[in-house]
Amino acid sequence: MTYMITSTRPLNQVVAPRLPNAPIQYEQKHIDALNNVLRLYFNQVDGILKQLQSDNEFFTVYTVATLPSASTSGAGTRAFVSDALLPVFGSIVVTGGAVKVPVYSDGTNWRVG
């Protein structure tokens, strides 16, 4: 299944953690507290990376013919095609070439960009 990032399915935002200050003397409880903060942070980062993954790849590459409907996908949805012909930024993507290019839905058509 392909997961597309849209305005209705945005990425979660992660804020860098405030790390605890180091004490002058080593104590195991302070190292454990630091490890817990870092573990939580990296678990959140892993969650975002999983949102970006699609079928164990970061992006599903479509041909222009296999793109889902632009209107069904919704305006602002992004995808990637492998067979664009002479892509010009903002123009409607056309099949027949061998250019790999990102595209976005304007709600009606897939456009280069």
C-alpha atoms as a PDB file:
ATOM      1  CA  MET A   1       0.000   0.000   0.000  1.00  0.00           C
ATOM      2  CA  THR A   2       1.238   3.463  -0.827  1.00  0.00           C
ATOM      3  CA  TYR A   3       1.130   6.197   1.781  1.00  0.00           C
ATOM      4  CA  MET A   4       1.075   9.705   0.353  1.00  0.00           C
ATOM      5  CA  ILE A   5       1.759  12.750   2.487  1.00  0.00           C
ATOM      6  CA  THR A   6      -1.122  15.215   2.126  1.00  0.00           C
ATOM      7  CA  SER A   7      -2.640  18.083   4.061  1.00  0.00           C
ATOM      8  CA  THR A   8      -5.065  15.600   5.622  1.00  0.00           C
ATOM      9  CA  ARG A   9      -2.273  13.132   6.471  1.00  0.00           C
ATOM     10  CA  PRO A  10       0.664  15.310   7.535  1.00  0.00           C
ATOM     11  CA  LEU A  11       3.881  14.077   9.069  1.00  0.00           C
ATOM     12  CA  ASN A  12       4.119  14.140  12.837  1.00  0.00           C
ATOM     13  CA  GLN A  13       6.438  16.804  14.161  1.00  0.00           C
ATOM     14  CA  VAL A  14       9.230  15.924  16.552  1.00  0.00           C
ATOM     15  CA  VAL A  15      10.879  18.446  18.838  1.00  0.00           C
ATOM     16  CA  ALA A  16      14.476  17.844  19.881  1.00  0.00           C
ATOM     17  CA  PRO A  17      14.558  16.826  23.535  1.00  0.00           C
ATOM     18  CA  ARG A  18      15.947  18.941  26.345  1.00  0.00           C
ATOM     19  CA  LEU A  19      18.808  16.822  27.599  1.00  0.00           C
ATOM     20  CA  PRO A  20      19.388  16.653  31.342  1.00  0.00           C
ATOM     21  CA  ASN A  21      22.446  18.468  32.701  1.00  0.00           C
ATOM     22  CA  ALA A  22      25.371  16.271  33.649  1.00  0.00           C
ATOM     23  CA  PRO A  23      26.221  16.109  37.354  1.00  0.00           C
ATOM     24  CA  ILE A  24      29.759  16.650  38.537  1.00  0.00           C
ATOM     25  CA  GLN A  25      30.042  13.085  39.828  1.00  0.00           C
ATOM     26  CA  TYR A  26      29.031  10.041  37.822  1.00  0.00           C
ATOM     27  CA  GLU A  27      25.796   8.401  38.938  1.00  0.00           C
ATOM     28  CA  GLN A  28      24.074   5.580  37.093  1.00  0.00           C
ATOM     29  CA  LYS A  29      20.616   7.165  37.499  1.00  0.00           C
ATOM     30  CA  HIS A  30      21.713  10.237  35.468  1.00  0.00           C
ATOM     31  CA  ILE A  31      23.016   8.100  32.591  1.00  0.00           C
ATOM     32  CA  ASP A  32      19.785   6.100  32.675  1.00  0.00           C
ATOM     33  CA  ALA A  33      17.745   9.327  32.518  1.00  0.00           C
ATOM     34  CA  LEU A  34      19.771  10.519  29.507  1.00  0.00           C
ATOM     35  CA  ASN A  35      19.337   7.173  27.754  1.00  0.00           C
ATOM     36  CA  ASN A  36      15.564   7.281  28.349  1.00  0.00           C
ATOM     37  CA  VAL A  37      15.269  10.775  26.851  1.00  0.00           C
ATOM     38  CA  LEU A  38      17.294   9.752  23.793  1.00  0.00           C
ATOM     39  CA  ARG A  39      15.343   6.497  23.405  1.00  0.00           C
ATOM     40  CA  LEU A  40      12.021   8.382  23.339  1.00  0.00           C
ATOM     41  CA  TYR A  41      13.356  10.896  20.832  1.00  0.00           C
ATOM     42  CA  PHE A  42      14.715   8.285  18.435  1.00  0.00           C
ATOM     43  CA  ASN A  43      11.496   6.273  18.694  1.00  0.00           C
ATOM     44  CA  GLN A  44       9.629   9.377  17.475  1.00  0.00           C
ATOM     45  CA  VAL A  45      12.113   9.837  14.617  1.00  0.00           C
ATOM     46  CA  ASP A  46      11.679   6.171  13.665  1.00  0.00           C
ATOM     47  CA  GLY A  47       7.905   6.728  13.611  1.00  0.00           C
ATOM     48  CA  ILE A  48       8.285   9.551  11.104  1.00  0.00           C
ATOM     49  CA  LEU A  49      10.554   7.462   8.901  1.00  0.00           C
ATOM     50  CA  LYS A  50       7.930   4.694   8.914  1.00  0.00           C
ATOM     51  CA  GLN A  51       5.349   7.243   7.722  1.00  0.00           C
ATOM     52  CA  LEU A  52       7.580   8.005   4.749  1.00  0.00           C
ATOM     53  CA  GLN A  53       8.153   4.385   3.850  1.00  0.00           C
ATOM     54  CA  SER A  54       6.008   2.723   1.249  1.00  0.00           C
ATOM     55  CA  ASP A  55       6.410  -0.999   0.554  1.00  0.00           C
ATOM     56  CA  ASN A  56       9.828  -0.872   2.262  1.00  0.00           C
ATOM     57  CA  GLU A  57      10.995   1.919  -0.032  1.00  0.00           C
ATOM     58  CA  PHE A  58      10.927   5.640   0.616  1.00  0.00           C
ATOM     59  CA  PHE A  59       8.897   6.423  -2.511  1.00  0.00           C
ATOM     60  CA  THR A  60       6.756   4.370  -4.837  1.00  0.00           C
ATOM     61  CA  VAL A  61       7.762   5.206  -8.375  1.00  0.00           C
ATOM     62  CA  TYR A  62       4.825   5.234 -10.790  1.00  0.00           C
ATOM     63  CA  THR A  63       4.616   5.461 -14.534  1.00  0.00           C
ATOM     64  CA  VAL A  64       2.386   8.314 -15.648  1.00  0.00           C
ATOM     65  CA  ALA A  65      -0.240   5.774 -16.741  1.00  0.00           C
ATOM     66  CA  THR A  66      -0.322   4.097 -13.316  1.00  0.00           C
ATOM     67  CA  LEU A  67      -0.642   7.273 -11.227  1.00  0.00           C
ATOM     68  CA  PRO A  68      -3.790   7.243  -9.106  1.00  0.00           C
ATOM     69  CA  SER A  69      -6.469   9.768 -10.003  1.00  0.00           C
ATOM     70  CA  ALA A  70      -5.348  13.331  -9.221  1.00  0.00           C
ATOM     71  CA  SER A  71      -8.844  14.278  -8.075  1.00  0.00           C
ATOM     72  CA  THR A  72      -9.207  11.229  -5.827  1.00  0.00           C
ATOM     73  CA  SER A  73      -5.722  11.757  -4.374  1.00  0.00           C
ATOM     74  CA  GLY A  74      -6.542  15.379  -3.597  1.00  0.00           C
ATOM     75  CA  ALA A  75      -4.758  18.657  -4.187  1.00  0.00           C
ATOM     76  CA  GLY A  76      -1.272  18.771  -2.739  1.00  0.00           C
ATOM     77  CA  THR A  77      -0.622  15.029  -2.895  1.00  0.00           C
ATOM     78  CA  ARG A  78       2.878  14.228  -4.110  1.00  0.00           C
ATOM     79  CA  ALA A  79       4.193  11.253  -6.088  1.00  0.00           C
ATOM     80  CA  PHE A  80       7.115  10.303  -8.327  1.00  0.00           C
ATOM     81  CA  VAL A  81       7.081   9.136 -11.974  1.00  0.00           C
ATOM     82  CA  SER A  82       9.750   7.444 -14.071  1.00  0.00           C
ATOM     83  CA  ASP A  83       8.603   8.091 -17.639  1.00  0.00           C
ATOM     84  CA  ALA A  84       7.910  11.817 -18.012  1.00  0.00           C
ATOM     85  CA  LEU A  85       8.413  13.412 -21.423  1.00  0.00           C
ATOM     86  CA  LEU A  86      10.199  16.800 -21.404  1.00  0.00           C
ATOM     87  CA  PRO A  87       8.993  17.826 -17.950  1.00  0.00           C
ATOM     88  CA  VAL A  88       8.624  21.553 -17.314  1.00  0.00           C
ATOM     89  CA  PHE A  89       7.951  22.696 -13.757  1.00  0.00           C
ATOM     90  CA  GLY A  90       4.222  23.287 -13.221  1.00  0.00           C
ATOM     91  CA  SER A  91       3.148  21.682 -16.499  1.00  0.00           C
ATOM     92  CA  ILE A  92       0.855  18.659 -16.673  1.00  0.00           C
ATOM     93  CA  VAL A  93       3.015  15.540 -16.664  1.00  0.00           C
ATOM     94  CA  VAL A  94       3.045  13.642 -19.979  1.00  0.00           C
ATOM     95  CA  THR A  95       4.148  10.041 -20.544  1.00  0.00           C
ATOM     96  CA  GLY A  96       6.481   8.845 -23.273  1.00  0.00           C
ATOM     97  CA  GLY A  97       9.935   9.720 -22.007  1.00  0.00           C
ATOM     98  CA  ALA A  98      12.447   8.359 -19.555  1.00  0.00           C
ATOM     99  CA  VAL A  99      12.776  11.284 -17.153  1.00  0.00           C
ATOM    100  CA  LYS A 100      12.293  10.596 -13.442  1.00  0.00           C
ATOM    101  CA  VAL A 101      10.550  13.534 -11.806  1.00  0.00           C
ATOM    102  CA  PRO A 102       8.412  14.385  -8.761  1.00  0.00           C
ATOM    103  CA  VAL A 103       4.803  15.357  -9.435  1.00  0.00           C
ATOM    104  CA  TYR A 104       1.953  16.836  -7.404  1.00  0.00           C
ATOM    105  CA  SER A 105      -1.814  16.867  -7.720  1.00  0.00           C
ATOM    106  CA  ASP A 106      -3.581  20.171  -8.279  1.00  0.00           C
ATOM    107  CA  GLY A 107      -6.892  18.429  -7.600  1.00  0.00           C
ATOM    108  CA  THR A 108      -7.522  17.797 -11.288  1.00  0.00           C
ATOM    109  CA  ASN A 109      -4.189  16.925 -12.953  1.00  0.00           C
ATOM    110  CA  TRP A 110      -0.750  15.694 -11.993  1.00  0.00           C
ATOM    111  CA  ARG A 111       1.793  18.461 -12.508  1.00  0.00           C
ATOM    112  CA  VAL A 112       5.594  18.401 -12.602  1.00  0.00           C
ATOM    113  CA  GLY A 113       7.188  19.658  -9.426  1.00  0.00           C
END
